[in-house]
Amino acid sequence: MQQDHKGTADGPSGKSRSKSGLRRLFRSKDGAAAIEFALLAIPYFLIVFAIIETFVAYTGEQLVANAVDTMGRKLRTGNITFTDTSASTYMDRTKFRRAFCGEISILIQCGEAEITTPNKLWIDVKSYTDFSAMPATVPINSSGDLDTSATSISYAPGGPGTKNMLRAYYKWDIITDLLRPYISNVRPTQGSKYFLMVETSVFKNEDYP
């Protein structure tokens, strides 16, 4: 009487199946795309957010530039004056800042606290004896940040026929864009992440009444 000898788990056929299973495991690509995506997702989205943030920052910068041009034109034509407090065109520093904030309110919001006590938006308006006397660089303090002292930033526009410079500085907060804070000569203070927007308008006032 003969007995059939079938392969067991420890027999030749069992070992063959084990080796075949290992080969299939090593050849399997199930989940490879998910693992690759998990590894690349963070830098990918970081780049995407940086591109979006840079686009929004450039839009805000253009708003500040347009506001400087608009307010400079009003000073040049006498629609904003500084000397005669009884004139309807008179604007002191607070009113001027409030009007400037109105020009950029589409994207940049200035509360009353920012208008009266600047923290991000700084506006410098001065008259000079000649265009050659106007500064060509951004005022920097000893710590490498924007110099916001009264000698560097003030509100003192001139009257008819005077030569004036209007400069606006805005500290735009940065979230994901790691390079933009360092493309300017102005370095943020330690722990700060902002891009300093600088816009300038130079003009000679008209001989308005």
N, C-alpha and C. Protein backbone atom coordinates (compact mmCIF):
# COMPACT_ATOMS: atom_id res chain seq x y z
N MET A 1 0.86 -1.19 0.00
CA MET A 1 0.00 0.00 0.00
C MET A 1 0.89 1.23 0.00
N GLN A 2 0.68 2.07 -1.01
CA GLN A 2 1.52 3.25 -1.16
C GLN A 2 0.83 4.50 -0.61
N GLN A 3 1.62 5.37 -0.07
CA GLN A 3 1.10 6.65 0.45
C GLN A 3 1.61 7.79 -0.42
N ASP A 4 0.71 8.75 -0.70
CA ASP A 4 1.12 9.95 -1.46
C ASP A 4 1.84 10.91 -0.53
N HIS A 5 2.99 11.36 -0.95
CA HIS A 5 3.76 12.32 -0.14
C HIS A 5 3.56 13.72 -0.73
N LYS A 6 2.74 14.52 -0.09
CA LYS A 6 2.48 15.90 -0.53
C LYS A 6 3.40 16.85 0.23
N GLY A 7 3.76 17.94 -0.43
CA GLY A 7 4.64 18.91 0.21
C GLY A 7 3.97 19.59 1.38
N THR A 8 4.70 19.76 2.45
CA THR A 8 4.19 20.49 3.62
C THR A 8 4.87 21.85 3.67
N ALA A 9 4.55 22.63 4.73
CA ALA A 9 5.14 23.97 4.89
C ALA A 9 6.63 23.89 5.02
N ASP A 10 7.11 22.70 5.56
CA ASP A 10 8.54 22.54 5.72
C ASP A 10 9.17 21.82 4.54
N GLY A 11 8.33 21.34 3.61
CA GLY A 11 8.84 20.60 2.47
C GLY A 11 9.27 21.52 1.36
N PRO A 12 9.71 20.94 0.23
CA PRO A 12 10.22 21.71 -0.90
C PRO A 12 9.19 22.69 -1.44
N SER A 13 7.94 22.26 -1.57
CA SER A 13 6.93 23.17 -2.14
C SER A 13 6.64 24.33 -1.22
N GLY A 14 6.72 24.15 0.10
CA GLY A 14 6.50 25.24 1.05
C GLY A 14 7.59 26.29 0.96
N LYS A 15 8.84 25.86 0.85
CA LYS A 15 9.96 26.79 0.70
C LYS A 15 9.84 27.57 -0.60
N SER A 16 9.39 26.91 -1.64
CA SER A 16 9.23 27.58 -2.93
C SER A 16 8.19 28.68 -2.85
N ARG A 17 7.09 28.35 -2.14
CA ARG A 17 6.04 29.37 -1.99
C ARG A 17 6.54 30.55 -1.17
N SER A 18 7.35 30.30 -0.15
CA SER A 18 7.87 31.38 0.70
C SER A 18 8.78 32.30 -0.11
N LYS A 19 9.67 31.69 -0.91
CA LYS A 19 10.57 32.49 -1.72
C LYS A 19 9.80 33.31 -2.75
N SER A 20 8.77 32.69 -3.33
CA SER A 20 7.95 33.40 -4.31
C SER A 20 7.22 34.58 -3.67
N GLY A 21 6.75 34.39 -2.43
CA GLY A 21 6.06 35.48 -1.74
C GLY A 21 6.99 36.64 -1.43
N LEU A 22 8.23 36.32 -1.05
CA LEU A 22 9.21 37.38 -0.77
C LEU A 22 9.56 38.17 -2.03
N ARG A 23 9.68 37.43 -3.15
CA ARG A 23 9.99 38.11 -4.40
C ARG A 23 8.86 39.06 -4.80
N ARG A 24 7.61 38.60 -4.60
CA ARG A 24 6.46 39.46 -4.91
C ARG A 24 6.44 40.69 -4.00
N LEU A 25 6.82 40.51 -2.73
CA LEU A 25 6.83 41.63 -1.78
C LEU A 25 7.83 42.69 -2.19
N PHE A 26 9.03 42.23 -2.58
CA PHE A 26 10.07 43.19 -2.96
C PHE A 26 9.75 43.88 -4.29
N ARG A 27 9.05 43.18 -5.16
CA ARG A 27 8.68 43.77 -6.45
C ARG A 27 7.45 44.66 -6.36
N SER A 28 6.69 44.55 -5.29
CA SER A 28 5.43 45.29 -5.16
C SER A 28 5.69 46.79 -5.05
N LYS A 29 4.89 47.55 -5.78
CA LYS A 29 4.99 49.02 -5.76
C LYS A 29 3.75 49.66 -5.15
N ASP A 30 2.92 48.86 -4.50
CA ASP A 30 1.71 49.39 -3.86
C ASP A 30 2.11 50.37 -2.76
N GLY A 31 1.55 51.60 -2.82
CA GLY A 31 1.82 52.62 -1.80
C GLY A 31 3.06 53.44 -2.05
N ALA A 32 3.82 53.15 -3.11
CA ALA A 32 5.04 53.90 -3.39
C ALA A 32 4.74 55.36 -3.70
N ALA A 33 3.66 55.60 -4.46
CA ALA A 33 3.29 56.97 -4.80
C ALA A 33 2.91 57.76 -3.56
N ALA A 34 2.20 57.10 -2.63
CA ALA A 34 1.79 57.77 -1.40
C ALA A 34 3.00 58.15 -0.55
N ILE A 35 3.99 57.24 -0.49
CA ILE A 35 5.20 57.52 0.29
C ILE A 35 5.99 58.66 -0.35
N GLU A 36 6.11 58.63 -1.69
CA GLU A 36 6.83 59.69 -2.37
C GLU A 36 6.13 61.04 -2.18
N PHE A 37 4.80 61.04 -2.25
CA PHE A 37 4.05 62.29 -2.04
C PHE A 37 4.26 62.82 -0.63
N ALA A 38 4.25 61.90 0.36
CA ALA A 38 4.45 62.33 1.75
C ALA A 38 5.81 62.98 1.93
N LEU A 39 6.82 62.46 1.23
CA LEU A 39 8.16 63.03 1.34
C LEU A 39 8.28 64.38 0.65
N LEU A 40 7.55 64.57 -0.45
CA LEU A 40 7.68 65.79 -1.25
C LEU A 40 6.61 66.83 -0.96
N ALA A 41 5.59 66.48 -0.18
CA ALA A 41 4.45 67.38 0.02
C ALA A 41 4.86 68.67 0.72
N ILE A 42 5.68 68.56 1.77
CA ILE A 42 6.05 69.76 2.54
C ILE A 42 6.81 70.76 1.69
N PRO A 43 7.92 70.37 1.03
CA PRO A 43 8.61 71.37 0.19
C PRO A 43 7.76 71.85 -0.98
N TYR A 44 6.91 70.97 -1.52
CA TYR A 44 6.06 71.36 -2.65
C TYR A 44 5.10 72.47 -2.23
N PHE A 45 4.36 72.24 -1.14
CA PHE A 45 3.39 73.24 -0.70
C PHE A 45 4.09 74.50 -0.18
N LEU A 46 5.29 74.34 0.37
CA LEU A 46 6.04 75.51 0.82
C LEU A 46 6.36 76.42 -0.36
N ILE A 47 6.76 75.83 -1.47
CA ILE A 47 7.06 76.61 -2.68
C ILE A 47 5.80 77.26 -3.23
N VAL A 48 4.69 76.50 -3.25
CA VAL A 48 3.42 77.05 -3.76
C VAL A 48 2.97 78.23 -2.91
N PHE A 49 2.99 78.08 -1.58
CA PHE A 49 2.57 79.17 -0.69
C PHE A 49 3.50 80.37 -0.82
N ALA A 50 4.81 80.12 -1.01
CA ALA A 50 5.76 81.21 -1.17
C ALA A 50 5.47 82.00 -2.44
N ILE A 51 5.11 81.29 -3.53
CA ILE A 51 4.76 81.97 -4.78
C ILE A 51 3.52 82.83 -4.59
N ILE A 52 2.50 82.27 -3.93
CA ILE A 52 1.26 83.03 -3.69
C ILE A 52 1.54 84.24 -2.82
N GLU A 53 2.33 84.04 -1.75
CA GLU A 53 2.62 85.14 -0.84
C GLU A 53 3.42 86.24 -1.53
N THR A 54 4.35 85.85 -2.39
CA THR A 54 5.12 86.85 -3.13
C THR A 54 4.22 87.65 -4.06
N PHE A 55 3.27 86.98 -4.70
CA PHE A 55 2.32 87.67 -5.58
C PHE A 55 1.50 88.68 -4.79
N VAL A 56 1.00 88.28 -3.62
CA VAL A 56 0.19 89.19 -2.80
C VAL A 56 1.05 90.35 -2.30
N ALA A 57 2.31 90.06 -1.94
CA ALA A 57 3.21 91.12 -1.47
C ALA A 57 3.47 92.15 -2.56
N TYR A 58 3.67 91.68 -3.80
CA TYR A 58 3.89 92.61 -4.91
C TYR A 58 2.64 93.46 -5.16
N THR A 59 1.47 92.86 -4.98
CA THR A 59 0.22 93.62 -5.13
C THR A 59 0.13 94.70 -4.06
N GLY A 60 0.46 94.35 -2.82
CA GLY A 60 0.47 95.34 -1.75
C GLY A 60 1.48 96.44 -2.00
N GLU A 61 2.64 96.06 -2.54
CA GLU A 61 3.67 97.04 -2.85
C GLU A 61 3.19 98.03 -3.91
N GLN A 62 2.44 97.52 -4.89
CA GLN A 62 1.91 98.40 -5.93
C GLN A 62 0.86 99.35 -5.37
N LEU A 63 0.08 98.89 -4.40
CA LEU A 63 -0.90 99.76 -3.74
C LEU A 63 -0.21 100.90 -3.01
N VAL A 64 0.87 100.58 -2.30
CA VAL A 64 1.62 101.62 -1.59
C VAL A 64 2.21 102.61 -2.59
N ALA A 65 2.72 102.12 -3.71
CA ALA A 65 3.28 103.01 -4.74
C ALA A 65 2.22 103.94 -5.30
N ASN A 66 1.03 103.40 -5.57
CA ASN A 66 -0.06 104.24 -6.08
C ASN A 66 -0.49 105.29 -5.06
N ALA A 67 -0.50 104.89 -3.78
CA ALA A 67 -0.88 105.84 -2.73
C ALA A 67 0.13 106.97 -2.62
N VAL A 68 1.42 106.64 -2.74
CA VAL A 68 2.47 107.66 -2.71
C VAL A 68 2.29 108.64 -3.87
N ASP A 69 2.01 108.12 -5.05
CA ASP A 69 1.80 108.99 -6.22
C ASP A 69 0.58 109.89 -6.03
N THR A 70 -0.51 109.30 -5.51
CA THR A 70 -1.75 110.07 -5.33
C THR A 70 -1.58 111.17 -4.29
N MET A 71 -1.03 110.82 -3.14
CA MET A 71 -0.86 111.80 -2.08
C MET A 71 0.20 112.84 -2.46
N GLY A 72 1.23 112.43 -3.18
CA GLY A 72 2.23 113.38 -3.66
C GLY A 72 1.64 114.38 -4.63
N ARG A 73 0.75 113.92 -5.50
CA ARG A 73 0.10 114.82 -6.46
C ARG A 73 -0.80 115.83 -5.74
N LYS A 74 -1.46 115.40 -4.69
CA LYS A 74 -2.31 116.32 -3.92
C LYS A 74 -1.48 117.37 -3.19
N LEU A 75 -0.32 116.97 -2.70
CA LEU A 75 0.58 117.95 -2.08
C LEU A 75 1.11 118.93 -3.12
N ARG A 76 1.47 118.41 -4.28
CA ARG A 76 2.07 119.24 -5.33
C ARG A 76 1.07 120.27 -5.86
N THR A 77 -0.19 119.89 -5.95
CA THR A 77 -1.21 120.80 -6.52
C THR A 77 -1.91 121.66 -5.49
N GLY A 78 -1.57 121.49 -4.21
CA GLY A 78 -2.19 122.30 -3.17
C GLY A 78 -3.52 121.77 -2.67
N ASN A 79 -3.89 120.55 -3.06
CA ASN A 79 -5.10 119.94 -2.51
C ASN A 79 -4.89 119.49 -1.07
N ILE A 80 -3.64 119.38 -0.67
CA ILE A 80 -3.28 119.15 0.72
C ILE A 80 -2.24 120.19 1.10
N THR A 81 -2.53 120.94 2.15
CA THR A 81 -1.59 121.97 2.62
C THR A 81 -1.27 121.73 4.09
N PHE A 82 -0.25 122.43 4.55
CA PHE A 82 0.26 122.16 5.89
C PHE A 82 0.36 123.42 6.76
N THR A 83 0.41 124.58 6.14
CA THR A 83 0.71 125.80 6.90
C THR A 83 -0.53 126.48 7.48
N ASP A 84 -1.56 126.67 6.69
CA ASP A 84 -2.75 127.40 7.12
C ASP A 84 -3.77 126.44 7.73
N THR A 85 -3.88 126.47 9.04
CA THR A 85 -4.77 125.53 9.73
C THR A 85 -6.25 125.81 9.46
N SER A 86 -6.57 127.01 9.01
CA SER A 86 -7.97 127.36 8.75
C SER A 86 -8.42 126.96 7.34
N ALA A 87 -7.48 126.57 6.49
CA ALA A 87 -7.82 126.20 5.11
C ALA A 87 -8.48 124.84 5.07
N SER A 88 -9.42 124.68 4.12
CA SER A 88 -10.12 123.39 3.98
C SER A 88 -9.19 122.29 3.52
N THR A 89 -8.07 122.67 2.93
CA THR A 89 -7.11 121.69 2.44
C THR A 89 -6.07 121.29 3.48
N TYR A 90 -6.15 121.90 4.66
CA TYR A 90 -5.15 121.63 5.69
C TYR A 90 -5.25 120.18 6.20
N MET A 91 -4.09 119.55 6.31
CA MET A 91 -4.01 118.21 6.89
C MET A 91 -2.81 118.13 7.81
N ASP A 92 -3.07 117.76 9.06
CA ASP A 92 -1.94 117.51 9.94
C ASP A 92 -1.45 116.07 9.72
N ARG A 93 -0.49 115.66 10.51
CA ARG A 93 0.11 114.33 10.30
C ARG A 93 -0.91 113.21 10.41
N THR A 94 -1.79 113.28 11.40
CA THR A 94 -2.77 112.22 11.60
C THR A 94 -3.76 112.15 10.44
N LYS A 95 -4.26 113.30 10.00
CA LYS A 95 -5.20 113.32 8.88
C LYS A 95 -4.54 112.81 7.60
N PHE A 96 -3.28 113.19 7.41
CA PHE A 96 -2.56 112.74 6.22
C PHE A 96 -2.39 111.22 6.24
N ARG A 97 -2.03 110.67 7.38
CA ARG A 97 -1.88 109.23 7.50
C ARG A 97 -3.22 108.52 7.30
N ARG A 98 -4.28 109.11 7.82
CA ARG A 98 -5.60 108.50 7.64
C ARG A 98 -5.99 108.48 6.16
N ALA A 99 -5.71 109.57 5.47
CA ALA A 99 -6.02 109.62 4.03
C ALA A 99 -5.15 108.63 3.26
N PHE A 100 -3.90 108.51 3.64
CA PHE A 100 -3.00 107.55 2.99
C PHE A 100 -3.50 106.12 3.20
N CYS A 101 -3.93 105.82 4.41
CA CYS A 101 -4.45 104.48 4.70
C CYS A 101 -5.70 104.18 3.89
N GLY A 102 -6.49 105.22 3.63
CA GLY A 102 -7.67 105.03 2.80
C GLY A 102 -7.32 104.61 1.39
N GLU A 103 -6.16 105.03 0.90
CA GLU A 103 -5.72 104.68 -0.44
C GLU A 103 -5.26 103.22 -0.56
N ILE A 104 -4.86 102.62 0.55
CA ILE A 104 -4.34 101.25 0.51
C ILE A 104 -5.26 100.27 1.23
N SER A 105 -6.46 100.71 1.59
CA SER A 105 -7.35 99.90 2.42
C SER A 105 -7.89 98.66 1.71
N ILE A 106 -7.73 98.58 0.38
CA ILE A 106 -8.20 97.39 -0.34
C ILE A 106 -7.50 96.14 0.15
N LEU A 107 -6.22 96.28 0.46
CA LEU A 107 -5.43 95.12 0.87
C LEU A 107 -4.75 95.30 2.22
N ILE A 108 -4.42 96.55 2.55
CA ILE A 108 -3.70 96.83 3.79
C ILE A 108 -4.61 97.65 4.70
N GLN A 109 -4.90 97.12 5.86
CA GLN A 109 -5.78 97.79 6.80
C GLN A 109 -4.97 98.54 7.85
N CYS A 110 -5.34 99.80 8.08
CA CYS A 110 -4.71 100.62 9.12
C CYS A 110 -5.78 101.01 10.14
N GLY A 111 -5.66 100.49 11.33
CA GLY A 111 -6.55 100.90 12.40
C GLY A 111 -6.14 102.25 12.95
N GLU A 112 -6.96 102.79 13.85
CA GLU A 112 -6.65 104.08 14.45
C GLU A 112 -5.35 104.03 15.25
N ALA A 113 -5.08 102.88 15.84
CA ALA A 113 -3.82 102.75 16.60
C ALA A 113 -2.62 102.87 15.67
N GLU A 114 -2.72 102.27 14.48
CA GLU A 114 -1.62 102.36 13.50
C GLU A 114 -1.50 103.77 12.95
N ILE A 115 -2.63 104.46 12.79
CA ILE A 115 -2.62 105.82 12.26
C ILE A 115 -1.94 106.79 13.23
N THR A 116 -2.27 106.68 14.50
CA THR A 116 -1.71 107.60 15.49
C THR A 116 -0.33 107.19 15.99
N THR A 117 -0.10 105.87 16.09
CA THR A 117 1.18 105.37 16.58
C THR A 117 1.70 104.33 15.59
N PRO A 118 2.54 104.75 14.65
CA PRO A 118 2.99 103.83 13.59
C PRO A 118 3.74 102.62 14.13
N ASN A 119 3.42 101.48 13.54
CA ASN A 119 4.13 100.25 13.86
C ASN A 119 4.61 99.56 12.60
N LYS A 120 3.80 99.63 11.54
CA LYS A 120 4.15 99.02 10.25
C LYS A 120 4.29 100.05 9.14
N LEU A 121 3.41 101.05 9.14
CA LEU A 121 3.41 102.06 8.09
C LEU A 121 4.08 103.33 8.59
N TRP A 122 5.12 103.77 7.87
CA TRP A 122 5.84 104.99 8.22
C TRP A 122 5.85 105.90 6.99
N ILE A 123 5.49 107.16 7.20
CA ILE A 123 5.42 108.12 6.10
C ILE A 123 6.29 109.32 6.43
N ASP A 124 7.20 109.63 5.52
CA ASP A 124 8.13 110.73 5.70
C ASP A 124 7.86 111.78 4.61
N VAL A 125 7.55 113.00 5.02
CA VAL A 125 7.30 114.10 4.08
C VAL A 125 8.14 115.29 4.51
N LYS A 126 9.05 115.73 3.64
CA LYS A 126 9.90 116.87 3.97
C LYS A 126 10.11 117.74 2.74
N SER A 127 10.40 119.00 2.98
CA SER A 127 10.78 119.92 1.90
C SER A 127 12.29 120.16 1.97
N TYR A 128 12.90 120.40 0.82
CA TYR A 128 14.35 120.59 0.73
C TYR A 128 14.65 121.84 -0.11
N THR A 129 15.81 122.38 0.12
CA THR A 129 16.20 123.57 -0.63
C THR A 129 16.50 123.23 -2.09
N ASP A 130 16.94 121.99 -2.32
CA ASP A 130 17.27 121.57 -3.69
C ASP A 130 17.10 120.06 -3.81
N PHE A 131 16.88 119.60 -5.03
CA PHE A 131 16.70 118.17 -5.24
C PHE A 131 17.96 117.39 -4.88
N SER A 132 19.11 117.98 -5.07
CA SER A 132 20.38 117.31 -4.77
C SER A 132 20.56 117.07 -3.27
N ALA A 133 19.82 117.80 -2.45
CA ALA A 133 19.93 117.65 -1.00
C ALA A 133 19.07 116.50 -0.47
N MET A 134 18.25 115.93 -1.33
CA MET A 134 17.35 114.86 -0.89
C MET A 134 18.13 113.56 -0.73
N PRO A 135 17.83 112.78 0.32
CA PRO A 135 18.56 111.53 0.55
C PRO A 135 18.26 110.49 -0.53
N ALA A 136 19.26 109.71 -0.85
CA ALA A 136 19.11 108.67 -1.88
C ALA A 136 19.07 107.27 -1.29
N THR A 137 19.20 107.16 0.03
CA THR A 137 19.21 105.85 0.69
C THR A 137 18.14 105.79 1.77
N VAL A 138 17.84 104.57 2.18
CA VAL A 138 16.87 104.35 3.26
C VAL A 138 17.56 104.59 4.60
N PRO A 139 16.93 105.34 5.51
CA PRO A 139 17.57 105.57 6.81
C PRO A 139 17.63 104.29 7.64
N ILE A 140 18.81 103.94 8.08
CA ILE A 140 19.03 102.71 8.84
C ILE A 140 19.64 103.07 10.20
N ASN A 141 19.13 102.43 11.25
CA ASN A 141 19.69 102.70 12.58
C ASN A 141 20.86 101.75 12.86
N SER A 142 21.40 101.84 14.05
CA SER A 142 22.60 101.07 14.40
C SER A 142 22.36 99.57 14.44
N SER A 143 21.12 99.15 14.63
CA SER A 143 20.81 97.73 14.68
C SER A 143 20.49 97.15 13.31
N GLY A 144 20.56 97.97 12.28
CA GLY A 144 20.31 97.50 10.92
C GLY A 144 18.86 97.54 10.51
N ASP A 145 18.01 98.12 11.35
CA ASP A 145 16.58 98.21 11.05
C ASP A 145 16.26 99.62 10.54
N LEU A 146 15.02 99.80 10.10
CA LEU A 146 14.59 101.12 9.63
C LEU A 146 14.67 102.13 10.77
N ASP A 147 15.30 103.26 10.50
CA ASP A 147 15.42 104.33 11.49
C ASP A 147 14.13 105.14 11.50
N THR A 148 13.37 105.02 12.56
CA THR A 148 12.07 105.70 12.67
C THR A 148 12.12 106.89 13.61
N SER A 149 13.30 107.38 13.91
CA SER A 149 13.41 108.54 14.80
C SER A 149 12.87 109.78 14.12
N ALA A 150 12.58 110.80 14.92
CA ALA A 150 11.98 112.03 14.40
C ALA A 150 12.90 112.75 13.42
N THR A 151 14.20 112.55 13.54
CA THR A 151 15.13 113.21 12.61
C THR A 151 15.11 112.55 11.23
N SER A 152 14.72 111.29 11.16
CA SER A 152 14.69 110.57 9.89
C SER A 152 13.31 110.56 9.26
N ILE A 153 12.28 110.44 10.06
CA ILE A 153 10.92 110.37 9.55
C ILE A 153 10.07 111.43 10.24
N SER A 154 9.53 112.35 9.46
CA SER A 154 8.71 113.42 10.01
C SER A 154 7.69 113.87 8.98
N TYR A 155 6.80 114.75 9.40
CA TYR A 155 5.78 115.28 8.50
C TYR A 155 5.95 116.80 8.46
N ALA A 156 6.64 117.28 7.42
CA ALA A 156 6.90 118.72 7.30
C ALA A 156 6.93 119.12 5.83
N PRO A 157 5.79 118.99 5.12
CA PRO A 157 5.77 119.39 3.70
C PRO A 157 5.91 120.89 3.54
N GLY A 158 6.38 121.32 2.39
CA GLY A 158 6.54 122.74 2.13
C GLY A 158 5.32 123.35 1.46
N GLY A 159 5.38 124.67 1.27
CA GLY A 159 4.28 125.40 0.63
C GLY A 159 4.46 125.50 -0.87
N PRO A 160 3.82 126.51 -1.48
CA PRO A 160 3.90 126.69 -2.94
C PRO A 160 5.34 126.86 -3.42
N GLY A 161 5.69 126.19 -4.51
CA GLY A 161 7.00 126.34 -5.12
C GLY A 161 8.14 125.62 -4.44
N THR A 162 7.87 124.90 -3.35
CA THR A 162 8.95 124.20 -2.64
C THR A 162 9.20 122.82 -3.24
N LYS A 163 10.38 122.32 -2.98
CA LYS A 163 10.75 120.99 -3.46
C LYS A 163 10.55 119.99 -2.32
N ASN A 164 9.84 118.91 -2.61
CA ASN A 164 9.45 117.97 -1.56
C ASN A 164 9.76 116.53 -1.93
N MET A 165 9.91 115.75 -0.89
CA MET A 165 10.06 114.30 -1.05
C MET A 165 9.08 113.60 -0.12
N LEU A 166 8.30 112.69 -0.71
CA LEU A 166 7.36 111.87 0.06
C LEU A 166 7.82 110.42 -0.04
N ARG A 167 8.07 109.82 1.11
CA ARG A 167 8.48 108.42 1.13
C ARG A 167 7.60 107.64 2.11
N ALA A 168 7.18 106.46 1.67
CA ALA A 168 6.37 105.58 2.52
C ALA A 168 7.11 104.27 2.72
N TYR A 169 7.12 103.81 3.96
CA TYR A 169 7.73 102.52 4.30
C TYR A 169 6.65 101.65 4.93
N TYR A 170 6.58 100.41 4.47
CA TYR A 170 5.61 99.49 5.08
C TYR A 170 6.29 98.16 5.35
N LYS A 171 6.14 97.67 6.58
CA LYS A 171 6.72 96.39 6.97
C LYS A 171 5.69 95.28 6.72
N TRP A 172 5.90 94.58 5.61
CA TRP A 172 4.98 93.53 5.21
C TRP A 172 5.39 92.21 5.86
N ASP A 173 4.49 91.65 6.65
CA ASP A 173 4.80 90.40 7.36
C ASP A 173 4.96 89.24 6.39
N ILE A 174 5.95 88.40 6.66
CA ILE A 174 6.24 87.24 5.83
C ILE A 174 5.90 85.97 6.61
N ILE A 175 5.26 84.99 5.92
CA ILE A 175 4.90 83.72 6.55
C ILE A 175 5.74 82.58 5.97
N THR A 176 5.61 82.36 4.67
CA THR A 176 6.29 81.22 4.06
C THR A 176 7.48 81.61 3.19
N ASP A 177 7.49 82.81 2.71
CA ASP A 177 8.56 83.23 1.81
C ASP A 177 9.84 83.48 2.61
N LEU A 178 10.81 82.61 2.44
CA LEU A 178 12.02 82.69 3.25
C LEU A 178 13.08 83.59 2.67
N LEU A 179 12.99 83.91 1.40
CA LEU A 179 14.03 84.69 0.75
C LEU A 179 13.70 86.17 0.68
N ARG A 180 12.43 86.51 0.58
CA ARG A 180 12.05 87.89 0.32
C ARG A 180 12.54 88.88 1.38
N PRO A 181 12.57 88.53 2.68
CA PRO A 181 13.08 89.50 3.66
C PRO A 181 14.53 89.90 3.43
N TYR A 182 15.26 89.11 2.64
CA TYR A 182 16.69 89.35 2.49
C TYR A 182 17.07 89.89 1.11
N ILE A 183 16.08 90.24 0.29
CA ILE A 183 16.40 90.83 -1.01
C ILE A 183 16.48 92.35 -0.90
N SER A 184 16.28 92.87 0.28
CA SER A 184 16.38 94.30 0.53
C SER A 184 17.64 94.58 1.33
N ASN A 185 18.14 95.82 1.23
CA ASN A 185 19.29 96.21 2.03
C ASN A 185 18.94 96.34 3.50
N VAL A 186 17.64 96.45 3.78
CA VAL A 186 17.19 96.58 5.17
C VAL A 186 16.92 95.18 5.72
N ARG A 187 17.67 94.78 6.72
CA ARG A 187 17.49 93.47 7.33
C ARG A 187 16.56 93.59 8.52
N PRO A 188 15.60 92.68 8.67
CA PRO A 188 14.73 92.75 9.84
C PRO A 188 15.50 92.46 11.11
N THR A 189 15.01 92.99 12.20
CA THR A 189 15.66 92.74 13.48
C THR A 189 15.48 91.27 13.84
N GLN A 190 16.27 90.81 14.79
CA GLN A 190 16.24 89.40 15.16
C GLN A 190 14.85 89.00 15.64
N GLY A 191 14.34 87.91 15.10
CA GLY A 191 13.02 87.44 15.47
C GLY A 191 11.90 88.03 14.62
N SER A 192 12.21 89.03 13.78
CA SER A 192 11.21 89.65 12.92
C SER A 192 11.30 89.07 11.52
N LYS A 193 10.15 88.94 10.89
CA LYS A 193 10.10 88.44 9.51
C LYS A 193 9.20 89.37 8.72
N TYR A 194 9.81 90.32 8.05
CA TYR A 194 9.03 91.23 7.24
C TYR A 194 9.84 91.66 6.02
N PHE A 195 9.11 92.09 5.00
CA PHE A 195 9.74 92.68 3.82
C PHE A 195 9.42 94.16 3.83
N LEU A 196 10.44 95.01 3.79
CA LEU A 196 10.23 96.44 3.86
C LEU A 196 9.93 97.00 2.47
N MET A 197 8.71 97.48 2.31
CA MET A 197 8.32 98.16 1.07
C MET A 197 8.74 99.62 1.16
N VAL A 198 9.38 100.13 0.14
CA VAL A 198 9.84 101.52 0.11
C VAL A 198 9.39 102.14 -1.19
N GLU A 199 8.59 103.20 -1.09
CA GLU A 199 8.10 103.91 -2.28
C GLU A 199 8.37 105.40 -2.11
N THR A 200 8.79 106.06 -3.18
CA THR A 200 9.22 107.46 -3.11
C THR A 200 8.60 108.29 -4.22
N SER A 201 8.28 109.52 -3.89
CA SER A 201 7.83 110.50 -4.88
C SER A 201 8.55 111.82 -4.61
N VAL A 202 9.17 112.36 -5.65
CA VAL A 202 9.90 113.64 -5.54
C VAL A 202 9.23 114.64 -6.48
N PHE A 203 8.97 115.84 -6.01
CA PHE A 203 8.22 116.80 -6.82
C PHE A 203 8.46 118.23 -6.33
N LYS A 204 8.14 119.16 -7.20
CA LYS A 204 8.15 120.58 -6.84
C LYS A 204 6.71 121.06 -6.84
N ASN A 205 6.32 121.66 -5.73
CA ASN A 205 4.95 122.12 -5.60
C ASN A 205 4.64 123.22 -6.62
N GLU A 206 3.42 123.21 -7.09
CA GLU A 206 2.97 124.27 -7.98
C GLU A 206 2.81 125.58 -7.20
N ASP A 207 2.76 126.68 -7.90
CA ASP A 207 2.58 127.98 -7.24
C ASP A 207 1.10 128.24 -7.03
N TYR A 208 0.50 127.36 -6.22
CA TYR A 208 -0.93 127.50 -5.93
C TYR A 208 -1.15 128.66 -4.94
N PRO A 209 -2.37 129.22 -4.91
CA PRO A 209 -2.63 130.36 -4.01
C PRO A 209 -2.45 129.99 -2.55
